[in-house]
Amino acid sequence: MNILITGGTGFIGVGLARKLLARGENVVLFDIAISAQRLTDIKDKVKVVQGDLKVWPEVLNAVRDNKIDGIFHLGSMLSLPSEDNPWASFQTNVAGTMHVLEAARLFGVKRMVFASTAATYGLGTGEVITDDTLQRPITMYGCGKLYGELLGRFYRRKFDLDFRALRYCAVMGPGVKTIAVTQFYPWMVEAAALGKPFESFAGETAAVPVTYFKDAIRAIEMLFYAPKENIKTVCYNISGVSPARSAKELEMAIKKFIPDAKITYKPDKVTMEFFNSQTMKVFDGSRAWEEWGYKPQYSDFDKVVADFIKEVRTNARYYGLA
């Protein structure tokens, strides 16, 4: 099967590419900015296409020229950049998703999986978010992702495209450079693992549920290959470490393995306004378990931190941290 991954050289995209190659799939990575250091061990096994989701012909050509059978649509503009530039976010996250769906329709793609977000929830939510919780996002990023979910459901009904989606809470993994309000989680661990001090831009109480990147990769792979008859909910919450753990709890977990880690706090006003507005503590992913068997392998916070430290110390150059 010929498979396209948009955002394909990102840290989830490359990890997913390795899994797909192990299955014997032909993999094409589509990205606006190529992270070459991540591709060192697979550069001769994948095709890389540099392109922009906003440019419709580039998306169409990538699907047509490579006779794509399946798409993982991971490419997007993340939360803080989307708040700073909502116009560009619309073009990438809304129009870009439309471009991918249209390419799938026009060239007979069999299946498409879309990476959505917990940010599609916002107004009026309680401490526990389920797949039935009303989605009323308050951020540009959340609005764009929710539109993508709904547009995908339309293409599923109207054009019989086998569209599926999952919603990640904050994904925690090494080597991510893009700024997001939840990015203090991985940066705190990275700094400690590399013996560097870290000043958190989020205060000690800042907390959201997180998913370790290995579970994030495993979940989207499982969803793609799940039997079609099992897909009832279509768009799924993906659980990870839940309930939410705070910045201070992360610091304490790190110090179990690195007692002399130097961690201080200088809370950013805008960041803390976001966290103070959040009520979510539990991100329930039970539908994914019931319908296609996903449960997180990294639900224990100490296990996440221990594995994260090992990844940084073992593969710092791969993650661009050397």
Protein backbone atom coordinates (compact mmCIF):
# COMPACT_ATOMS: atom_id res chain seq x y z
CA MET A 1 0.00 0.00 0.00
CA ASN A 2 1.23 3.52 -0.84
CA ILE A 3 0.75 5.75 2.21
CA LEU A 4 1.14 9.53 2.52
CA ILE A 5 1.92 11.17 5.87
CA THR A 6 1.39 14.93 5.96
CA GLY A 7 3.59 16.61 8.56
CA GLY A 8 5.64 13.52 7.85
CA THR A 9 9.00 14.65 9.17
CA GLY A 10 7.59 15.69 12.56
CA PHE A 11 8.28 13.56 15.60
CA ILE A 12 5.04 11.59 15.31
CA GLY A 13 5.29 11.37 11.52
CA VAL A 14 8.77 9.87 11.42
CA GLY A 15 8.02 7.41 14.23
CA LEU A 16 4.89 6.36 12.36
CA ALA A 17 6.86 6.00 9.12
CA ARG A 18 9.16 3.46 10.79
CA LYS A 19 6.15 1.42 11.91
CA LEU A 20 4.64 1.48 8.41
CA LEU A 21 7.93 0.48 6.78
CA ALA A 22 8.10 -2.50 9.15
CA ARG A 23 4.66 -3.50 7.81
CA GLY A 24 6.03 -3.42 4.26
CA GLU A 25 4.19 -0.25 3.19
CA ASN A 26 5.55 2.30 0.71
CA VAL A 27 5.77 5.61 2.59
CA VAL A 28 5.72 9.18 1.27
CA LEU A 29 6.42 12.03 3.72
CA PHE A 30 4.91 15.44 2.88
CA ASP A 31 6.12 18.43 4.90
CA ILE A 32 6.74 22.16 4.54
CA ALA A 33 9.98 22.03 6.55
CA ILE A 34 12.09 18.88 6.36
CA SER A 35 13.68 17.70 9.64
CA ALA A 36 16.52 15.77 8.03
CA GLN A 37 18.20 14.56 11.23
CA ARG A 38 15.17 12.43 12.09
CA LEU A 39 15.34 10.63 8.75
CA THR A 40 18.95 9.43 8.92
CA ASP A 41 18.15 5.73 9.26
CA ILE A 42 15.20 5.66 6.83
CA LYS A 43 16.10 8.30 4.23
CA ASP A 44 16.69 5.64 1.57
CA LYS A 45 13.45 3.83 2.39
CA VAL A 46 10.95 6.71 2.15
CA LYS A 47 10.15 9.38 -0.41
CA VAL A 48 10.14 12.95 0.90
CA VAL A 49 8.02 15.60 -0.82
CA GLN A 50 8.46 19.20 0.30
CA GLY A 51 5.15 20.96 0.02
CA ASP A 52 2.64 23.26 1.67
CA LEU A 53 -0.85 22.19 2.71
CA LYS A 54 -2.07 25.69 1.81
CA VAL A 55 -1.07 25.16 -1.84
CA TRP A 56 -3.76 22.96 -3.34
CA PRO A 57 -1.80 21.76 -6.43
CA GLU A 58 1.10 20.61 -4.23
CA VAL A 59 -1.25 18.43 -2.17
CA LEU A 60 -3.04 17.10 -5.26
CA ASN A 61 0.24 16.29 -7.00
CA ALA A 62 1.61 14.45 -3.96
CA VAL A 63 -1.45 12.19 -3.89
CA ARG A 64 -1.76 11.70 -7.65
CA ASP A 65 1.92 11.24 -8.53
CA ASN A 66 2.48 8.65 -5.82
CA LYS A 67 -0.77 6.71 -6.38
CA ILE A 68 -1.65 7.04 -2.71
CA ASP A 69 -3.98 4.45 -1.15
CA GLY A 70 -4.05 5.77 2.43
CA ILE A 71 -3.37 9.10 4.18
CA PHE A 72 -2.33 10.02 7.71
CA HIS A 73 -3.08 13.75 7.94
CA LEU A 74 -0.82 15.00 10.75
CA GLY A 75 0.29 18.32 9.29
CA SER A 76 -1.01 21.44 11.01
CA MET A 77 -0.18 24.80 12.55
CA LEU A 78 -0.09 24.35 16.34
CA SER A 79 -1.80 26.21 19.18
CA LEU A 80 0.28 29.30 20.00
CA PRO A 81 1.26 30.06 16.36
CA SER A 82 -2.43 29.72 15.49
CA GLU A 83 -3.38 32.27 18.15
CA ASP A 84 -0.67 34.65 16.94
CA ASN A 85 -1.62 34.28 13.27
CA PRO A 86 -5.19 32.98 12.94
CA TRP A 87 -5.28 33.86 9.22
CA ALA A 88 -2.37 31.55 8.41
CA SER A 89 -3.86 28.95 10.76
CA PHE A 90 -7.10 28.99 8.76
CA GLN A 91 -5.23 28.45 5.51
CA THR A 92 -3.18 25.55 6.90
CA ASN A 93 -5.57 23.82 9.28
CA VAL A 94 -8.92 24.43 7.57
CA ALA A 95 -8.21 24.95 3.87
CA GLY A 96 -5.26 22.54 4.06
CA THR A 97 -7.48 19.77 5.44
CA MET A 98 -10.02 20.46 2.70
CA HIS A 99 -7.21 20.10 0.15
CA VAL A 100 -6.21 16.72 1.57
CA LEU A 101 -9.82 15.48 1.61
CA GLU A 102 -10.41 16.64 -1.96
CA ALA A 103 -7.23 14.94 -3.14
CA ALA A 104 -8.42 11.76 -1.44
CA ARG A 105 -11.80 12.02 -3.19
CA LEU A 106 -10.42 12.86 -6.63
CA PHE A 107 -7.76 10.14 -6.71
CA GLY A 108 -9.57 7.29 -5.01
CA VAL A 109 -7.77 7.14 -1.66
CA LYS A 110 -9.25 4.28 0.34
CA ARG A 111 -8.71 5.52 3.91
CA MET A 112 -7.71 8.69 5.75
CA VAL A 113 -6.88 9.23 9.41
CA PHE A 114 -6.89 12.77 10.81
CA ALA A 115 -5.01 13.94 13.91
CA SER A 116 -7.32 16.18 15.95
CA THR A 117 -6.96 17.57 19.47
CA ALA A 118 -8.44 17.93 22.93
CA ALA A 119 -8.56 21.67 22.11
CA THR A 120 -11.82 20.98 20.26
CA TYR A 121 -13.35 21.02 23.77
CA GLY A 122 -13.66 24.36 25.53
CA LEU A 123 -16.75 26.10 26.85
CA GLY A 124 -18.77 24.42 29.54
CA THR A 125 -16.67 21.29 29.99
CA GLY A 126 -16.19 19.65 33.38
CA GLU A 127 -13.26 17.76 34.84
CA VAL A 128 -13.93 14.61 32.79
CA ILE A 129 -14.00 14.78 28.98
CA THR A 130 -15.61 11.87 27.13
CA ASP A 131 -16.35 11.24 23.45
CA ASP A 132 -19.88 12.52 24.14
CA THR A 133 -18.79 15.85 25.68
CA LEU A 134 -20.03 18.83 23.66
CA GLN A 135 -17.23 20.34 21.54
CA ARG A 136 -17.16 24.15 21.76
CA PRO A 137 -13.54 25.24 21.25
CA ILE A 138 -12.27 28.66 22.32
CA THR A 139 -8.96 28.73 20.41
CA MET A 140 -8.23 29.14 16.71
CA TYR A 141 -6.40 25.82 16.75
CA GLY A 142 -9.36 24.03 18.32
CA CYS A 143 -11.82 25.64 15.91
CA GLY A 144 -9.80 24.56 12.88
CA LYS A 145 -9.41 21.00 14.12
CA LEU A 146 -13.11 20.65 14.92
CA TYR A 147 -13.97 21.84 11.43
CA GLY A 148 -11.60 19.19 10.07
CA GLU A 149 -13.41 16.48 12.07
CA LEU A 150 -16.81 17.60 10.80
CA LEU A 151 -15.63 17.99 7.21
CA GLY A 152 -14.17 14.48 7.35
CA ARG A 153 -17.47 13.11 8.62
CA PHE A 154 -19.19 14.82 5.67
CA TYR A 155 -16.78 13.23 3.17
CA ARG A 156 -17.37 9.88 4.87
CA ARG A 157 -21.13 10.21 4.35
CA LYS A 158 -21.21 11.97 0.98
CA PHE A 159 -18.30 10.34 -0.84
CA ASP A 160 -17.81 7.08 1.10
CA LEU A 161 -14.25 8.01 2.10
CA ASP A 162 -13.20 5.82 5.04
CA PHE A 163 -12.38 8.82 7.25
CA ARG A 164 -11.36 8.33 10.88
CA ALA A 165 -9.93 10.74 13.46
CA LEU A 166 -8.39 10.74 16.90
CA ARG A 167 -8.02 13.54 19.40
CA TYR A 168 -4.72 13.84 21.21
CA CYS A 169 -4.35 15.61 24.50
CA ALA A 170 -0.91 17.24 24.92
CA VAL A 171 1.64 14.94 23.25
CA MET A 172 4.85 14.67 25.25
CA GLY A 173 8.00 13.65 23.39
CA PRO A 174 11.60 14.71 22.75
CA GLY A 175 12.91 17.13 20.18
CA VAL A 176 9.86 19.29 19.48
CA LYS A 177 10.83 22.91 18.80
CA THR A 178 7.40 24.41 18.05
CA ILE A 179 6.14 26.54 20.93
CA ALA A 180 2.86 25.49 22.56
CA VAL A 181 1.35 26.24 25.95
CA THR A 182 1.99 22.64 27.05
CA GLN A 183 5.55 22.49 25.75
CA PHE A 184 7.03 22.93 29.24
CA TYR A 185 6.38 19.21 29.84
CA PRO A 186 8.93 17.84 27.35
CA TRP A 187 11.35 20.76 27.67
CA MET A 188 11.61 20.26 31.43
CA VAL A 189 12.53 16.59 30.97
CA GLU A 190 14.93 17.30 28.10
CA ALA A 191 16.83 19.93 30.09
CA ALA A 192 17.15 17.68 33.14
CA ALA A 193 18.29 14.70 31.04
CA LEU A 194 20.97 16.86 29.39
CA GLY A 195 22.14 18.34 32.71
CA LYS A 196 20.83 21.83 31.93
CA PRO A 197 18.79 24.17 34.16
CA PHE A 198 15.21 24.84 33.12
CA GLU A 199 13.01 27.85 33.84
CA SER A 200 9.39 26.93 33.22
CA PHE A 201 7.15 29.49 31.51
CA ALA A 202 4.20 27.69 33.17
CA GLY A 203 3.63 27.90 36.91
CA GLU A 204 3.76 24.99 39.33
CA THR A 205 -0.02 24.42 39.16
CA ALA A 206 -0.27 24.25 35.35
CA ALA A 207 -1.74 20.88 34.37
CA VAL A 208 -3.38 19.07 31.45
CA PRO A 209 -3.65 15.37 30.57
CA VAL A 210 -0.72 14.25 28.38
CA THR A 211 -0.04 11.38 25.98
CA TYR A 212 3.47 10.00 25.57
CA PHE A 213 4.63 10.13 21.96
CA LYS A 214 5.05 6.35 21.70
CA ASP A 215 1.38 5.89 22.59
CA ALA A 216 0.42 8.67 20.17
CA ILE A 217 2.17 6.83 17.32
CA ARG A 218 0.76 3.45 18.32
CA ALA A 219 -2.79 4.80 18.57
CA ILE A 220 -2.92 6.36 15.12
CA GLU A 221 -1.41 3.25 13.55
CA MET A 222 -4.00 1.05 15.29
CA LEU A 223 -6.86 3.29 14.18
CA PHE A 224 -5.77 3.18 10.53
CA TYR A 225 -5.63 -0.62 10.43
CA ALA A 226 -8.74 -1.28 12.55
CA PRO A 227 -11.45 -3.19 10.63
CA LYS A 228 -13.95 -0.86 9.01
CA GLU A 229 -16.89 -2.54 10.72
CA ASN A 230 -15.40 -1.64 14.13
CA ILE A 231 -15.46 2.10 13.46
CA LYS A 232 -18.67 3.42 14.97
CA THR A 233 -17.71 6.62 16.79
CA VAL A 234 -15.41 7.77 13.92
CA CYS A 235 -13.64 10.52 15.93
CA TYR A 236 -12.03 9.26 19.14
CA ASN A 237 -10.45 10.64 22.30
CA ILE A 238 -7.05 9.06 22.97
CA SER A 239 -6.10 8.72 26.62
CA GLY A 240 -2.62 8.78 28.12
CA VAL A 241 -1.49 9.94 31.56
CA SER A 242 -4.72 10.78 33.32
CA PRO A 243 -5.68 12.53 35.54
CA ALA A 244 -3.68 15.59 34.60
CA ARG A 245 -0.29 16.05 36.29
CA SER A 246 1.02 19.51 37.16
CA ALA A 247 4.37 21.10 36.40
CA LYS A 248 5.36 20.59 40.04
CA GLU A 249 4.41 16.91 39.87
CA LEU A 250 6.55 16.60 36.75
CA GLU A 251 9.46 18.20 38.58
CA MET A 252 9.08 15.70 41.44
CA ALA A 253 8.93 12.78 38.99
CA ILE A 254 12.10 13.97 37.26
CA LYS A 255 13.93 14.28 40.58
CA LYS A 256 13.25 10.62 41.33
CA PHE A 257 15.71 9.87 38.51
CA ILE A 258 17.79 13.07 38.46
CA PRO A 259 17.84 14.40 42.06
CA ASP A 260 20.03 17.41 41.24
CA ALA A 261 17.84 18.67 38.36
CA LYS A 262 17.67 22.47 38.45
CA ILE A 263 14.10 23.60 37.76
CA THR A 264 12.65 27.04 38.47
CA TYR A 265 9.45 28.85 37.49
CA LYS A 266 8.72 32.16 35.81
CA PRO A 267 5.06 31.90 34.80
CA ASP A 268 4.01 33.64 31.61
CA LYS A 269 0.75 35.58 31.99
CA VAL A 270 -0.87 34.39 28.75
CA THR A 271 0.14 30.78 29.38
CA MET A 272 -1.31 30.81 32.88
CA GLU A 273 -4.53 32.42 31.67
CA PHE A 274 -4.91 29.36 29.46
CA PHE A 275 -4.24 26.88 32.27
CA ASN A 276 -6.42 28.75 34.76
CA SER A 277 -9.30 28.52 32.29
CA GLN A 278 -8.94 24.73 31.99
CA THR A 279 -11.14 22.40 34.02
CA MET A 280 -10.16 19.18 32.23
CA LYS A 281 -8.46 16.62 34.46
CA VAL A 282 -9.43 13.33 32.84
CA PHE A 283 -9.44 12.69 29.08
CA ASP A 284 -11.49 9.53 28.70
CA GLY A 285 -10.65 7.31 25.73
CA SER A 286 -12.88 4.33 26.48
CA ARG A 287 -14.53 4.29 23.03
CA ALA A 288 -11.15 3.63 21.39
CA TRP A 289 -10.71 0.64 23.70
CA GLU A 290 -14.23 -0.68 23.15
CA GLU A 291 -14.23 -0.37 19.36
CA TRP A 292 -10.65 -1.09 18.26
CA GLY A 293 -8.68 -2.09 21.32
CA TYR A 294 -6.46 0.90 22.14
CA LYS A 295 -5.25 1.44 25.70
CA PRO A 296 -2.15 3.48 26.60
CA GLN A 297 1.00 1.55 27.44
CA TYR A 298 2.41 4.68 29.11
CA SER A 299 -0.28 5.71 31.57
CA ASP A 300 2.09 5.78 34.56
CA PHE A 301 3.78 9.18 34.88
CA ASP A 302 7.03 7.81 36.33
CA LYS A 303 7.26 5.31 33.46
CA VAL A 304 6.84 8.14 30.95
CA VAL A 305 9.54 10.27 32.58
CA ALA A 306 11.98 7.36 32.89
CA ASP A 307 11.57 6.37 29.24
CA PHE A 308 11.76 10.01 28.09
CA ILE A 309 15.09 10.50 29.93
CA LYS A 310 16.43 7.31 28.37
CA GLU A 311 15.40 8.43 24.88
CA VAL A 312 17.10 11.81 25.27
CA ARG A 313 20.33 10.37 26.64
CA THR A 314 20.47 7.55 24.10
CA ASN A 315 19.28 9.36 20.98
CA ALA A 316 20.02 13.06 21.57
CA ARG A 317 21.43 13.60 18.07
CA TYR A 318 18.41 11.94 16.44
CA TYR A 319 16.09 14.32 18.28
CA GLY A 320 18.22 17.36 17.44
CA LEU A 321 19.27 17.77 21.08
CA ALA A 322 23.00 17.00 20.81
